[in-house]
């Protein structure tokens, strides 16, 4: 299916957010995620189903001062 990841069009085979993160190279990374603007907690990513055209945002925490 085709989705947008951080604004870039990507083709993935995963049907859920957890699988998509693995496929996209974020497996094991500490990130915040959203689907179509709605926050998805880490514990719910495997249950969060994706559909063609969904917008996924993946944000990594930053340190600084």
N, C-alpha and C. Protein backbone atom coordinates (compact mmCIF):
# COMPACT_ATOMS: atom_id res chain seq x y z
N UNK A 1 0.85 -1.17 0.00
CA UNK A 1 0.00 0.00 0.00
C UNK A 1 0.89 1.23 0.00
N UNK A 2 0.36 2.33 -0.47
CA UNK A 2 1.11 3.60 -0.52
C UNK A 2 0.64 4.49 0.62
N UNK A 3 1.62 4.97 1.41
CA UNK A 3 1.35 5.87 2.53
C UNK A 3 2.31 7.05 2.46
N UNK A 4 2.06 8.06 3.27
CA UNK A 4 3.00 9.17 3.42
C UNK A 4 3.68 9.03 4.77
N UNK A 5 5.01 9.07 4.76
CA UNK A 5 5.78 9.00 6.00
C UNK A 5 6.57 10.29 6.12
N UNK A 6 6.22 11.09 7.12
CA UNK A 6 6.87 12.40 7.30
C UNK A 6 6.85 13.20 6.00
N UNK A 7 5.75 13.11 5.28
CA UNK A 7 5.56 13.88 4.05
C UNK A 7 6.08 13.24 2.78
N UNK A 8 6.77 12.10 2.89
CA UNK A 8 7.32 11.43 1.71
C UNK A 8 6.48 10.19 1.38
N UNK A 9 6.17 10.00 0.13
CA UNK A 9 5.40 8.84 -0.31
C UNK A 9 6.26 7.58 -0.23
N UNK A 10 5.69 6.53 0.39
CA UNK A 10 6.40 5.25 0.54
C UNK A 10 5.44 4.11 0.22
N UNK A 11 5.99 3.04 -0.29
CA UNK A 11 5.23 1.81 -0.57
C UNK A 11 5.63 0.80 0.49
N UNK A 12 4.65 0.26 1.23
CA UNK A 12 4.93 -0.72 2.28
C UNK A 12 4.01 -1.92 2.14
N UNK A 13 4.41 -3.01 2.77
CA UNK A 13 3.58 -4.22 2.77
C UNK A 13 2.87 -4.44 4.10
N UNK A 14 3.33 -3.76 5.15
CA UNK A 14 2.76 -3.94 6.48
C UNK A 14 1.33 -3.41 6.54
N UNK A 15 0.52 -4.06 7.38
CA UNK A 15 -0.88 -3.65 7.53
C UNK A 15 -1.13 -2.88 8.82
N UNK A 16 -0.12 -2.84 9.71
CA UNK A 16 -0.28 -2.11 10.97
C UNK A 16 0.93 -1.21 11.20
N UNK A 17 0.78 -0.28 12.13
CA UNK A 17 1.83 0.71 12.37
C UNK A 17 3.11 0.06 12.88
N UNK A 18 2.99 -0.91 13.78
CA UNK A 18 4.18 -1.58 14.30
C UNK A 18 5.00 -2.23 13.19
N UNK A 19 4.33 -2.94 12.30
CA UNK A 19 5.01 -3.57 11.17
C UNK A 19 5.61 -2.56 10.22
N UNK A 20 4.89 -1.45 10.02
CA UNK A 20 5.39 -0.40 9.14
C UNK A 20 6.68 0.20 9.69
N UNK A 21 6.73 0.43 11.01
CA UNK A 21 7.93 0.99 11.62
C UNK A 21 9.12 0.06 11.44
N UNK A 22 8.89 -1.23 11.61
CA UNK A 22 9.96 -2.22 11.38
C UNK A 22 10.43 -2.15 9.92
N UNK A 23 9.49 -2.18 9.02
CA UNK A 23 9.79 -2.17 7.59
C UNK A 23 10.53 -0.90 7.16
N UNK A 24 10.22 0.21 7.81
CA UNK A 24 10.82 1.50 7.46
C UNK A 24 12.14 1.77 8.18
N UNK A 25 12.59 0.82 9.01
CA UNK A 25 13.87 0.96 9.67
C UNK A 25 13.84 1.61 11.04
N UNK A 26 12.66 1.75 11.63
CA UNK A 26 12.53 2.35 12.95
C UNK A 26 12.41 1.32 14.06
N UNK A 27 12.57 0.05 13.76
CA UNK A 27 12.42 -1.01 14.75
C UNK A 27 13.34 -0.79 15.94
N UNK A 28 12.79 -0.79 17.14
CA UNK A 28 13.56 -0.62 18.35
C UNK A 28 13.90 0.83 18.69
N UNK A 29 13.65 1.75 17.79
CA UNK A 29 13.95 3.17 18.05
C UNK A 29 12.89 3.77 18.96
N UNK A 30 13.30 4.70 19.80
CA UNK A 30 12.36 5.42 20.67
C UNK A 30 11.84 6.59 19.86
N UNK A 31 10.59 6.47 19.42
CA UNK A 31 9.97 7.50 18.58
C UNK A 31 8.53 7.73 19.03
N UNK A 32 8.00 8.88 18.68
CA UNK A 32 6.57 9.17 18.85
C UNK A 32 5.93 8.99 17.48
N UNK A 33 4.71 8.48 17.46
CA UNK A 33 4.05 8.22 16.17
C UNK A 33 2.63 8.76 16.14
N UNK A 34 2.20 9.09 14.93
CA UNK A 34 0.82 9.52 14.70
C UNK A 34 0.36 9.00 13.35
N UNK A 35 -0.91 8.70 13.26
CA UNK A 35 -1.54 8.33 11.99
C UNK A 35 -2.61 9.37 11.72
N UNK A 36 -2.50 10.03 10.57
CA UNK A 36 -3.46 11.06 10.17
C UNK A 36 -3.69 12.10 11.27
N UNK A 37 -2.59 12.47 11.94
CA UNK A 37 -2.66 13.51 12.95
C UNK A 37 -3.06 13.06 14.34
N UNK A 38 -3.36 11.77 14.51
CA UNK A 38 -3.77 11.24 15.81
C UNK A 38 -2.62 10.46 16.44
N UNK A 39 -2.18 10.87 17.64
CA UNK A 39 -1.11 10.20 18.36
C UNK A 39 -1.43 8.73 18.58
N UNK A 40 -0.43 7.86 18.37
CA UNK A 40 -0.59 6.43 18.62
C UNK A 40 0.49 6.01 19.63
N UNK A 41 0.11 5.64 20.86
CA UNK A 41 1.08 5.19 21.86
C UNK A 41 1.79 3.92 21.40
N UNK A 42 3.01 3.73 21.89
CA UNK A 42 3.81 2.56 21.50
C UNK A 42 3.07 1.25 21.75
N UNK A 43 2.35 1.16 22.85
CA UNK A 43 1.63 -0.07 23.20
C UNK A 43 0.50 -0.40 22.23
N UNK A 44 0.06 0.57 21.44
CA UNK A 44 -1.07 0.35 20.53
C UNK A 44 -0.66 0.24 19.06
N UNK A 45 0.62 0.28 18.77
CA UNK A 45 1.07 0.31 17.37
C UNK A 45 0.74 -0.96 16.60
N UNK A 46 0.81 -2.13 17.24
CA UNK A 46 0.49 -3.38 16.54
C UNK A 46 -0.98 -3.46 16.18
N UNK A 47 -1.82 -2.81 16.96
CA UNK A 47 -3.27 -2.85 16.72
C UNK A 47 -3.73 -1.72 15.80
N UNK A 48 -2.86 -0.74 15.54
CA UNK A 48 -3.23 0.41 14.72
C UNK A 48 -3.14 0.03 13.24
N UNK A 49 -4.29 -0.23 12.63
CA UNK A 49 -4.36 -0.66 11.23
C UNK A 49 -4.10 0.51 10.30
N UNK A 50 -3.45 0.23 9.18
CA UNK A 50 -3.17 1.24 8.18
C UNK A 50 -4.03 1.02 6.94
N UNK A 51 -4.29 2.10 6.23
CA UNK A 51 -5.04 2.04 4.98
C UNK A 51 -4.26 2.83 3.93
N UNK A 52 -4.49 2.47 2.69
CA UNK A 52 -3.84 3.17 1.59
C UNK A 52 -4.09 4.67 1.70
N UNK A 53 -3.02 5.46 1.60
CA UNK A 53 -3.15 6.91 1.66
C UNK A 53 -2.99 7.51 3.05
N UNK A 54 -2.85 6.66 4.10
CA UNK A 54 -2.67 7.19 5.45
C UNK A 54 -1.40 8.03 5.53
N UNK A 55 -1.41 9.01 6.45
CA UNK A 55 -0.24 9.85 6.73
C UNK A 55 0.33 9.44 8.07
N UNK A 56 1.58 9.00 8.07
CA UNK A 56 2.26 8.60 9.30
C UNK A 56 3.32 9.64 9.61
N UNK A 57 3.37 10.07 10.86
CA UNK A 57 4.44 10.95 11.33
C UNK A 57 5.26 10.16 12.35
N UNK A 58 6.57 10.21 12.19
CA UNK A 58 7.49 9.54 13.12
C UNK A 58 8.46 10.62 13.61
N UNK A 59 8.45 10.84 14.93
CA UNK A 59 9.29 11.89 15.51
C UNK A 59 10.20 11.30 16.56
N UNK A 60 11.49 11.61 16.45
CA UNK A 60 12.47 11.17 17.44
C UNK A 60 12.70 12.28 18.45
N UNK A 61 12.82 11.94 19.75
CA UNK A 61 13.10 12.97 20.74
C UNK A 61 14.48 13.59 20.50
N UNK A 62 14.59 14.88 20.80
CA UNK A 62 15.86 15.58 20.61
C UNK A 62 16.34 16.10 21.96
N UNK A 63 17.64 16.13 22.13
CA UNK A 63 18.23 16.71 23.33
C UNK A 63 18.87 18.03 22.97
N UNK A 64 18.97 18.86 23.91
CA UNK A 64 19.60 20.15 23.64
C UNK A 64 19.26 21.14 24.73
N UNK A 65 19.75 22.33 24.53
CA UNK A 65 19.51 23.29 25.58
C UNK A 65 19.36 24.67 25.10
